[in-house]
Amino acid sequence: MSFGFWSGLLGPKYEELWRDCLHRAFPHSSGKRKEVAVAVERVRKFRNRLAHHDSTINVDIPFELRQIFDLVAYIDKDAARWLKRCSGLMTVYAQRPVTVDDTVVVSAKHAWPLYETCSAYVCQSGRAFRPIERVAFYADREIKLDVPAVLHRRDNVEWSPEEAARLGASEDRFDRKIAKVIETSDDTWTDGRYQVFLLTAPGHPDHRQLRQALPYLGAGRGSAFVQRQRYVSLHSLENAVTTADL
């Protein structure tokens, strides 16, 4: 049978078959057919790209590889661990000569808890940034696991209950999201004007997570990996073990 057959077997018209028996083939999944179907279809599309010799220059290989491991883990976690040990793909990928600095790493003692709460990054108004696609957070002497994509950026946002109420009543979804960020933020962000980055959360198709948080092993006062912000590539983050590799 082709890969497409198995992907199709998990489609909505086989919901009853899934409930009766197919779910048992994926004992470590959430038990939701749609979640497994999406995972299988993603792996199928990636497999077809490779089988048809399509270009992978603009493909996030580490992300696709993790999708394969995750799908295998739905079936058998030991098998997934075995595949990870056997795979040499990341060793080859690390040699890829593509190192666009598309990610800003920000000092995030207060920003990281805010991101975890409302998927946003807030900083002072007027702060300059290079063109970037993603934000990474440095806090607790490590670069955190999540590397969200930037969905929307807005400067000079008034930080007040009145502005939150005005934005919350808007038909624009970004206005409403910024309103929630204002309402969620604590006393770290007092009345004034700020710059807001709305970011992806885990589960969003553009969101990325590293294999592990990247610890900073330096020592001494003022020796933090980032004091304000610095720029790296997603490629280098995905291949690093510690911040010294960046």
C-alpha atoms as a PDB file:
ATOM      1  CA  MET A   1       0.000   0.000   0.000  1.00  0.00           C
ATOM      2  CA  SER A   2       1.148   3.552  -0.668  1.00  0.00           C
ATOM      3  CA  PHE A   3       1.744   6.073   2.087  1.00  0.00           C
ATOM      4  CA  GLY A   4      -1.312   7.939   0.782  1.00  0.00           C
ATOM      5  CA  PHE A   5      -3.520   4.941   1.562  1.00  0.00           C
ATOM      6  CA  TRP A   6      -2.607   5.021   5.241  1.00  0.00           C
ATOM      7  CA  SER A   7      -3.000   8.785   5.382  1.00  0.00           C
ATOM      8  CA  GLY A   8      -6.428   8.501   3.766  1.00  0.00           C
ATOM      9  CA  LEU A   9      -7.477   5.795   6.210  1.00  0.00           C
ATOM     10  CA  LEU A  10      -7.252   8.384   8.970  1.00  0.00           C
ATOM     11  CA  GLY A  11      -9.598  10.774   7.168  1.00  0.00           C
ATOM     12  CA  PRO A  12     -12.944  12.037   8.578  1.00  0.00           C
ATOM     13  CA  LYS A  13     -15.048   9.499   6.690  1.00  0.00           C
ATOM     14  CA  TYR A  14     -13.376   6.742   8.729  1.00  0.00           C
ATOM     15  CA  GLU A  15     -14.171   8.277  12.126  1.00  0.00           C
ATOM     16  CA  GLU A  16     -16.169   5.224  13.190  1.00  0.00           C
ATOM     17  CA  LEU A  17     -13.337   2.894  12.187  1.00  0.00           C
ATOM     18  CA  TRP A  18     -10.941   5.074  14.193  1.00  0.00           C
ATOM     19  CA  ARG A  19     -13.127   4.860  17.285  1.00  0.00           C
ATOM     20  CA  ASP A  20     -13.642   1.115  16.905  1.00  0.00           C
ATOM     21  CA  CYS A  21     -10.032   0.046  16.415  1.00  0.00           C
ATOM     22  CA  LEU A  22      -7.561   2.320  14.589  1.00  0.00           C
ATOM     23  CA  HIS A  23      -6.870   4.428  17.675  1.00  0.00           C
ATOM     24  CA  ARG A  24      -5.195   1.376  19.228  1.00  0.00           C
ATOM     25  CA  ALA A  25      -2.409   1.632  16.649  1.00  0.00           C
ATOM     26  CA  PHE A  26      -1.396   4.959  18.236  1.00  0.00           C
ATOM     27  CA  PRO A  27      -1.554   4.243  21.986  1.00  0.00           C
ATOM     28  CA  HIS A  28       0.626   7.219  22.949  1.00  0.00           C
ATOM     29  CA  SER A  29      -1.307   9.860  21.003  1.00  0.00           C
ATOM     30  CA  SER A  30      -4.041  12.051  22.451  1.00  0.00           C
ATOM     31  CA  GLY A  31      -6.578   9.613  21.006  1.00  0.00           C
ATOM     32  CA  LYS A  32      -7.897  12.271  18.620  1.00  0.00           C
ATOM     33  CA  ARG A  33      -8.099  11.095  15.021  1.00  0.00           C
ATOM     34  CA  LYS A  34      -7.611  14.575  13.552  1.00  0.00           C
ATOM     35  CA  GLU A  35      -4.361  15.132  15.461  1.00  0.00           C
ATOM     36  CA  VAL A  36      -2.892  11.838  14.220  1.00  0.00           C
ATOM     37  CA  ALA A  37      -4.198  12.430  10.694  1.00  0.00           C
ATOM     38  CA  VAL A  38      -2.481  15.827  10.514  1.00  0.00           C
ATOM     39  CA  ALA A  39       0.791  14.315  11.755  1.00  0.00           C
ATOM     40  CA  VAL A  40       0.681  11.489   9.206  1.00  0.00           C
ATOM     41  CA  GLU A  41      -0.190  13.849   6.361  1.00  0.00           C
ATOM     42  CA  ARG A  42       2.714  16.173   7.230  1.00  0.00           C
ATOM     43  CA  VAL A  43       5.183  13.273   7.158  1.00  0.00           C
ATOM     44  CA  ARG A  44       3.653  12.049   3.889  1.00  0.00           C
ATOM     45  CA  LYS A  45       4.154  15.432   2.226  1.00  0.00           C
ATOM     46  CA  PHE A  46       7.745  15.650   3.442  1.00  0.00           C
ATOM     47  CA  ARG A  47       8.402  12.112   2.227  1.00  0.00           C
ATOM     48  CA  ASN A  48       6.976  12.983  -1.203  1.00  0.00           C
ATOM     49  CA  ARG A  49       9.166  16.071  -1.449  1.00  0.00           C
ATOM     50  CA  LEU A  50      12.247  13.944  -0.856  1.00  0.00           C
ATOM     51  CA  ALA A  51      11.111  11.078  -3.089  1.00  0.00           C
ATOM     52  CA  HIS A  52      10.450  13.495  -5.962  1.00  0.00           C
ATOM     53  CA  HIS A  53      13.852  15.197  -5.518  1.00  0.00           C
ATOM     54  CA  ASP A  54      12.315  18.589  -4.741  1.00  0.00           C
ATOM     55  CA  SER A  55      14.551  21.303  -3.324  1.00  0.00           C
ATOM     56  CA  THR A  56      14.861  21.415   0.481  1.00  0.00           C
ATOM     57  CA  ILE A  57      16.756  24.720   0.614  1.00  0.00           C
ATOM     58  CA  ASN A  58      13.795  26.527   2.169  1.00  0.00           C
ATOM     59  CA  VAL A  59      12.578  23.570   4.229  1.00  0.00           C
ATOM     60  CA  ASP A  60      13.051  23.573   8.011  1.00  0.00           C
ATOM     61  CA  ILE A  61      14.661  20.128   8.150  1.00  0.00           C
ATOM     62  CA  PRO A  62      14.995  19.844  11.969  1.00  0.00           C
ATOM     63  CA  PHE A  63      11.311  20.678  12.347  1.00  0.00           C
ATOM     64  CA  GLU A  64      10.266  18.051   9.789  1.00  0.00           C
ATOM     65  CA  LEU A  65      12.523  15.489  11.437  1.00  0.00           C
ATOM     66  CA  ARG A  66      10.881  16.112  14.797  1.00  0.00           C
ATOM     67  CA  GLN A  67       7.483  15.554  13.186  1.00  0.00           C
ATOM     68  CA  ILE A  68       8.653  12.092  12.133  1.00  0.00           C
ATOM     69  CA  PHE A  69       9.919  11.270  15.610  1.00  0.00           C
ATOM     70  CA  ASP A  70       6.697  12.552  17.190  1.00  0.00           C
ATOM     71  CA  LEU A  71       4.576  10.409  14.886  1.00  0.00           C
ATOM     72  CA  VAL A  72       6.651   7.317  15.630  1.00  0.00           C
ATOM     73  CA  ALA A  73       6.331   8.057  19.356  1.00  0.00           C
ATOM     74  CA  TYR A  74       2.534   7.918  18.984  1.00  0.00           C
ATOM     75  CA  ILE A  75       3.027   4.262  18.031  1.00  0.00           C
ATOM     76  CA  ASP A  76       6.030   3.236  20.154  1.00  0.00           C
ATOM     77  CA  LYS A  77       8.182   5.541  22.284  1.00  0.00           C
ATOM     78  CA  ASP A  78      11.111   3.110  22.355  1.00  0.00           C
ATOM     79  CA  ALA A  79      11.091   2.999  18.562  1.00  0.00           C
ATOM     80  CA  ALA A  80      11.184   6.805  18.443  1.00  0.00           C
ATOM     81  CA  ARG A  81      14.194   6.907  20.774  1.00  0.00           C
ATOM     82  CA  TRP A  82      15.932   4.259  18.656  1.00  0.00           C
ATOM     83  CA  LEU A  83      15.361   6.291  15.482  1.00  0.00           C
ATOM     84  CA  LYS A  84      16.806   9.403  17.113  1.00  0.00           C
ATOM     85  CA  ARG A  85      19.959   7.490  18.078  1.00  0.00           C
ATOM     86  CA  CYS A  86      20.345   6.060  14.573  1.00  0.00           C
ATOM     87  CA  SER A  87      19.653   9.233  12.618  1.00  0.00           C
ATOM     88  CA  GLY A  88      22.693  11.078  11.281  1.00  0.00           C
ATOM     89  CA  LEU A  89      20.641  13.787   9.607  1.00  0.00           C
ATOM     90  CA  MET A  90      21.416  16.579  12.059  1.00  0.00           C
ATOM     91  CA  THR A  91      25.153  15.938  11.685  1.00  0.00           C
ATOM     92  CA  VAL A  92      24.820  16.531   7.957  1.00  0.00           C
ATOM     93  CA  TYR A  93      22.408  19.439   8.422  1.00  0.00           C
ATOM     94  CA  ALA A  94      24.891  21.240  10.678  1.00  0.00           C
ATOM     95  CA  GLN A  95      27.177  21.617   7.639  1.00  0.00           C
ATOM     96  CA  ARG A  96      24.509  23.436   5.637  1.00  0.00           C
ATOM     97  CA  PRO A  97      26.010  26.771   4.443  1.00  0.00           C
ATOM     98  CA  VAL A  98      22.929  28.844   5.277  1.00  0.00           C
ATOM     99  CA  THR A  99      23.299  31.164   8.268  1.00  0.00           C
ATOM    100  CA  VAL A 100      20.910  34.095   7.842  1.00  0.00           C
ATOM    101  CA  ASP A 101      20.598  35.961  11.152  1.00  0.00           C
ATOM    102  CA  ASP A 102      16.808  35.812  11.177  1.00  0.00           C
ATOM    103  CA  THR A 103      16.297  35.594  14.959  1.00  0.00           C
ATOM    104  CA  VAL A 104      16.800  38.162  17.705  1.00  0.00           C
ATOM    105  CA  VAL A 105      17.723  36.829  21.147  1.00  0.00           C
ATOM    106  CA  VAL A 106      16.408  39.183  23.814  1.00  0.00           C
ATOM    107  CA  SER A 107      17.216  39.473  27.488  1.00  0.00           C
ATOM    108  CA  ALA A 108      14.025  38.160  29.018  1.00  0.00           C
ATOM    109  CA  LYS A 109      13.942  38.112  32.815  1.00  0.00           C
ATOM    110  CA  HIS A 110      10.454  39.649  32.705  1.00  0.00           C
ATOM    111  CA  ALA A 111       9.678  39.098  29.031  1.00  0.00           C
ATOM    112  CA  TRP A 112       9.769  35.290  29.194  1.00  0.00           C
ATOM    113  CA  PRO A 113       6.964  34.961  31.819  1.00  0.00           C
ATOM    114  CA  LEU A 114       4.892  37.418  29.772  1.00  0.00           C
ATOM    115  CA  TYR A 115       5.435  35.370  26.618  1.00  0.00           C
ATOM    116  CA  GLU A 116       4.387  32.189  28.415  1.00  0.00           C
ATOM    117  CA  THR A 117       1.194  33.939  29.488  1.00  0.00           C
ATOM    118  CA  CYS A 118       0.127  35.724  26.299  1.00  0.00           C
ATOM    119  CA  SER A 119       2.547  34.872  23.439  1.00  0.00           C
ATOM    120  CA  ALA A 120       3.920  38.386  23.093  1.00  0.00           C
ATOM    121  CA  TYR A 121       7.136  40.337  23.610  1.00  0.00           C
ATOM    122  CA  VAL A 122       6.984  43.893  24.946  1.00  0.00           C
ATOM    123  CA  CYS A 123       9.849  46.385  25.093  1.00  0.00           C
ATOM    124  CA  GLN A 124      10.396  50.133  25.191  1.00  0.00           C
ATOM    125  CA  SER A 125       8.925  52.233  22.409  1.00  0.00           C
ATOM    126  CA  GLY A 126      11.335  53.287  19.677  1.00  0.00           C
ATOM    127  CA  ARG A 127      13.782  50.430  20.233  1.00  0.00           C
ATOM    128  CA  ALA A 128      15.434  49.504  16.934  1.00  0.00           C
ATOM    129  CA  PHE A 129      15.622  45.991  15.528  1.00  0.00           C
ATOM    130  CA  ARG A 130      17.072  44.533  12.373  1.00  0.00           C
ATOM    131  CA  PRO A 131      14.625  42.758  10.047  1.00  0.00           C
ATOM    132  CA  ILE A 132      13.848  39.508  11.877  1.00  0.00           C
ATOM    133  CA  GLU A 133      11.470  36.589  11.563  1.00  0.00           C
ATOM    134  CA  ARG A 134      11.709  35.165  15.085  1.00  0.00           C
ATOM    135  CA  VAL A 135      12.348  35.981  18.734  1.00  0.00           C
ATOM    136  CA  ALA A 136      14.304  33.807  21.167  1.00  0.00           C
ATOM    137  CA  PHE A 137      14.331  34.425  24.921  1.00  0.00           C
ATOM    138  CA  TYR A 138      17.385  34.433  27.188  1.00  0.00           C
ATOM    139  CA  ALA A 139      16.472  34.030  30.857  1.00  0.00           C
ATOM    140  CA  ASP A 140      17.673  31.944  33.805  1.00  0.00           C
ATOM    141  CA  ARG A 141      21.110  31.638  32.098  1.00  0.00           C
ATOM    142  CA  GLU A 142      19.724  29.800  29.066  1.00  0.00           C
ATOM    143  CA  ILE A 143      18.040  30.354  25.744  1.00  0.00           C
ATOM    144  CA  LYS A 144      14.574  28.940  26.163  1.00  0.00           C
ATOM    145  CA  LEU A 145      13.155  26.077  24.124  1.00  0.00           C
ATOM    146  CA  ASP A 146      10.555  28.092  22.192  1.00  0.00           C
ATOM    147  CA  VAL A 147      11.567  30.205  19.179  1.00  0.00           C
ATOM    148  CA  PRO A 148       8.291  31.814  18.078  1.00  0.00           C
ATOM    149  CA  ALA A 149       7.699  33.534  14.757  1.00  0.00           C
ATOM    150  CA  VAL A 150       6.674  37.195  14.641  1.00  0.00           C
ATOM    151  CA  LEU A 151       3.029  37.553  13.586  1.00  0.00           C
ATOM    152  CA  HIS A 152       2.662  41.307  14.057  1.00  0.00           C
ATOM    153  CA  ARG A 153       4.778  44.203  15.333  1.00  0.00           C
ATOM    154  CA  ARG A 154       3.490  47.555  16.548  1.00  0.00           C
ATOM    155  CA  ASP A 155       5.322  50.454  18.162  1.00  0.00           C
ATOM    156  CA  ASN A 156       4.143  53.343  20.316  1.00  0.00           C
ATOM    157  CA  VAL A 157       1.273  51.465  21.961  1.00  0.00           C
ATOM    158  CA  GLU A 158      -0.329  53.370  24.834  1.00  0.00           C
ATOM    159  CA  TRP A 159      -0.350  51.173  27.957  1.00  0.00           C
ATOM    160  CA  SER A 160      -3.538  52.021  29.800  1.00  0.00           C
ATOM    161  CA  PRO A 161      -6.892  50.428  30.699  1.00  0.00           C
ATOM    162  CA  GLU A 162      -8.617  52.917  28.398  1.00  0.00           C
ATOM    163  CA  GLU A 163      -6.489  51.923  25.401  1.00  0.00           C
ATOM    164  CA  ALA A 164      -6.990  48.226  26.207  1.00  0.00           C
ATOM    165  CA  ALA A 165     -10.756  48.786  26.196  1.00  0.00           C
ATOM    166  CA  ARG A 166     -10.592  50.667  22.887  1.00  0.00           C
ATOM    167  CA  LEU A 167      -8.464  47.997  21.208  1.00  0.00           C
ATOM    168  CA  GLY A 168     -10.573  45.227  22.688  1.00  0.00           C
ATOM    169  CA  ALA A 169     -13.648  46.586  20.925  1.00  0.00           C
ATOM    170  CA  SER A 170     -11.891  46.723  17.545  1.00  0.00           C
ATOM    171  CA  GLU A 171     -12.716  44.431  14.633  1.00  0.00           C
ATOM    172  CA  ASP A 172      -8.981  43.995  13.973  1.00  0.00           C
ATOM    173  CA  ARG A 173      -7.712  40.756  15.521  1.00  0.00           C
ATOM    174  CA  PHE A 174      -4.278  42.215  16.240  1.00  0.00           C
ATOM    175  CA  ASP A 175      -5.896  45.117  18.109  1.00  0.00           C
ATOM    176  CA  ARG A 176      -7.824  42.648  20.243  1.00  0.00           C
ATOM    177  CA  LYS A 177      -4.700  40.585  20.906  1.00  0.00           C
ATOM    178  CA  ILE A 178      -2.728  43.658  21.994  1.00  0.00           C
ATOM    179  CA  ALA A 179      -5.601  44.575  24.309  1.00  0.00           C
ATOM    180  CA  LYS A 180      -5.250  41.193  26.006  1.00  0.00           C
ATOM    181  CA  VAL A 181      -1.480  41.703  26.352  1.00  0.00           C
ATOM    182  CA  ILE A 182      -2.055  45.054  28.071  1.00  0.00           C
ATOM    183  CA  GLU A 183      -4.627  43.506  30.401  1.00  0.00           C
ATOM    184  CA  THR A 184      -2.367  40.535  31.193  1.00  0.00           C
ATOM    185  CA  SER A 185       0.867  42.449  31.825  1.00  0.00           C
ATOM    186  CA  ASP A 186       1.954  43.144  35.388  1.00  0.00           C
ATOM    187  CA  ASP A 187       3.558  46.164  37.077  1.00  0.00           C
ATOM    188  CA  THR A 188       6.753  45.668  35.042  1.00  0.00           C
ATOM    189  CA  TRP A 189       4.935  47.542  32.283  1.00  0.00           C
ATOM    190  CA  THR A 190       3.408  50.673  33.804  1.00  0.00           C
ATOM    191  CA  ASP A 191       1.575  53.540  32.123  1.00  0.00           C
ATOM    192  CA  GLY A 192       3.492  54.767  29.106  1.00  0.00           C
ATOM    193  CA  ARG A 193       4.080  53.657  25.540  1.00  0.00           C
ATOM    194  CA  TYR A 194       5.636  50.383  24.433  1.00  0.00           C
ATOM    195  CA  GLN A 195       6.545  48.310  21.403  1.00  0.00           C
ATOM    196  CA  VAL A 196       4.701  44.992  21.015  1.00  0.00           C
ATOM    197  CA  PHE A 197       5.590  41.841  19.097  1.00  0.00           C
ATOM    198  CA  LEU A 198       2.748  39.331  18.762  1.00  0.00           C
ATOM    199  CA  LEU A 199       4.267  35.864  18.519  1.00  0.00           C
ATOM    200  CA  THR A 200       3.293  32.286  17.745  1.00  0.00           C
ATOM    201  CA  ALA A 201       2.622  29.746  20.474  1.00  0.00           C
ATOM    202  CA  PRO A 202       3.346  25.985  20.483  1.00  0.00           C
ATOM    203  CA  GLY A 203       1.018  24.281  18.031  1.00  0.00           C
ATOM    204  CA  HIS A 204       1.125  27.077  15.448  1.00  0.00           C
ATOM    205  CA  PRO A 205       2.516  25.800  12.100  1.00  0.00           C
ATOM    206  CA  ASP A 206       5.230  28.499  12.062  1.00  0.00           C
ATOM    207  CA  HIS A 207       6.317  27.941  15.657  1.00  0.00           C
ATOM    208  CA  ARG A 208       9.638  26.232  16.341  1.00  0.00           C
ATOM    209  CA  GLN A 209      11.085  24.532  19.383  1.00  0.00           C
ATOM    210  CA  LEU A 210      14.712  23.605  19.949  1.00  0.00           C
ATOM    211  CA  ARG A 211      15.759  20.099  20.897  1.00  0.00           C
ATOM    212  CA  GLN A 212      16.775  21.486  24.276  1.00  0.00           C
ATOM    213  CA  ALA A 213      17.257  24.800  26.037  1.00  0.00           C
ATOM    214  CA  LEU A 214      20.745  26.209  25.398  1.00  0.00           C
ATOM    215  CA  PRO A 215      22.600  26.887  28.669  1.00  0.00           C
ATOM    216  CA  TYR A 216      25.083  29.712  29.136  1.00  0.00           C
ATOM    217  CA  LEU A 217      28.180  28.366  30.871  1.00  0.00           C
ATOM    218  CA  GLY A 218      30.094  31.621  31.292  1.00  0.00           C
ATOM    219  CA  ALA A 219      30.775  33.183  34.672  1.00  0.00           C
ATOM    220  CA  GLY A 220      31.431  36.576  36.175  1.00  0.00           C
ATOM    221  CA  ARG A 221      29.507  39.800  36.643  1.00  0.00           C
ATOM    222  CA  GLY A 222      28.224  41.282  33.413  1.00  0.00           C
ATOM    223  CA  SER A 223      29.072  38.176  31.381  1.00  0.00           C
ATOM    224  CA  ALA A 224      25.525  37.200  30.401  1.00  0.00           C
ATOM    225  CA  PHE A 225      25.103  35.855  26.879  1.00  0.00           C
ATOM    226  CA  VAL A 226      22.934  38.844  25.983  1.00  0.00           C
ATOM    227  CA  GLN A 227      22.537  42.128  27.854  1.00  0.00           C
ATOM    228  CA  ARG A 228      19.969  43.676  25.530  1.00  0.00           C
ATOM    229  CA  GLN A 229      19.654  41.832  22.218  1.00  0.00           C
ATOM    230  CA  ARG A 230      21.795  39.989  19.702  1.00  0.00           C
ATOM    231  CA  TYR A 231      21.163  38.274  16.393  1.00  0.00           C
ATOM    232  CA  VAL A 232      21.599  34.639  15.400  1.00  0.00           C
ATOM    233  CA  SER A 233      20.177  32.261  12.810  1.00  0.00           C
ATOM    234  CA  LEU A 234      17.487  29.704  13.537  1.00  0.00           C
ATOM    235  CA  HIS A 235      19.857  27.250  11.858  1.00  0.00           C
ATOM    236  CA  SER A 236      22.574  27.894  14.462  1.00  0.00           C
ATOM    237  CA  LEU A 237      20.090  27.670  17.348  1.00  0.00           C
ATOM    238  CA  GLU A 238      18.849  24.294  16.123  1.00  0.00           C
ATOM    239  CA  ASN A 239      22.361  22.908  15.944  1.00  0.00           C
ATOM    240  CA  ALA A 240      23.805  24.392  19.140  1.00  0.00           C
ATOM    241  CA  VAL A 241      24.303  22.536  22.418  1.00  0.00           C
ATOM    242  CA  THR A 242      25.211  25.608  24.490  1.00  0.00           C
ATOM    243  CA  THR A 243      25.321  29.340  23.751  1.00  0.00           C
ATOM    244  CA  ALA A 244      29.071  28.954  23.087  1.00  0.00           C
ATOM    245  CA  ASP A 245      28.149  27.291  19.777  1.00  0.00           C
ATOM    246  CA  LEU A 246      26.394  30.397  18.476  1.00  0.00           C
END
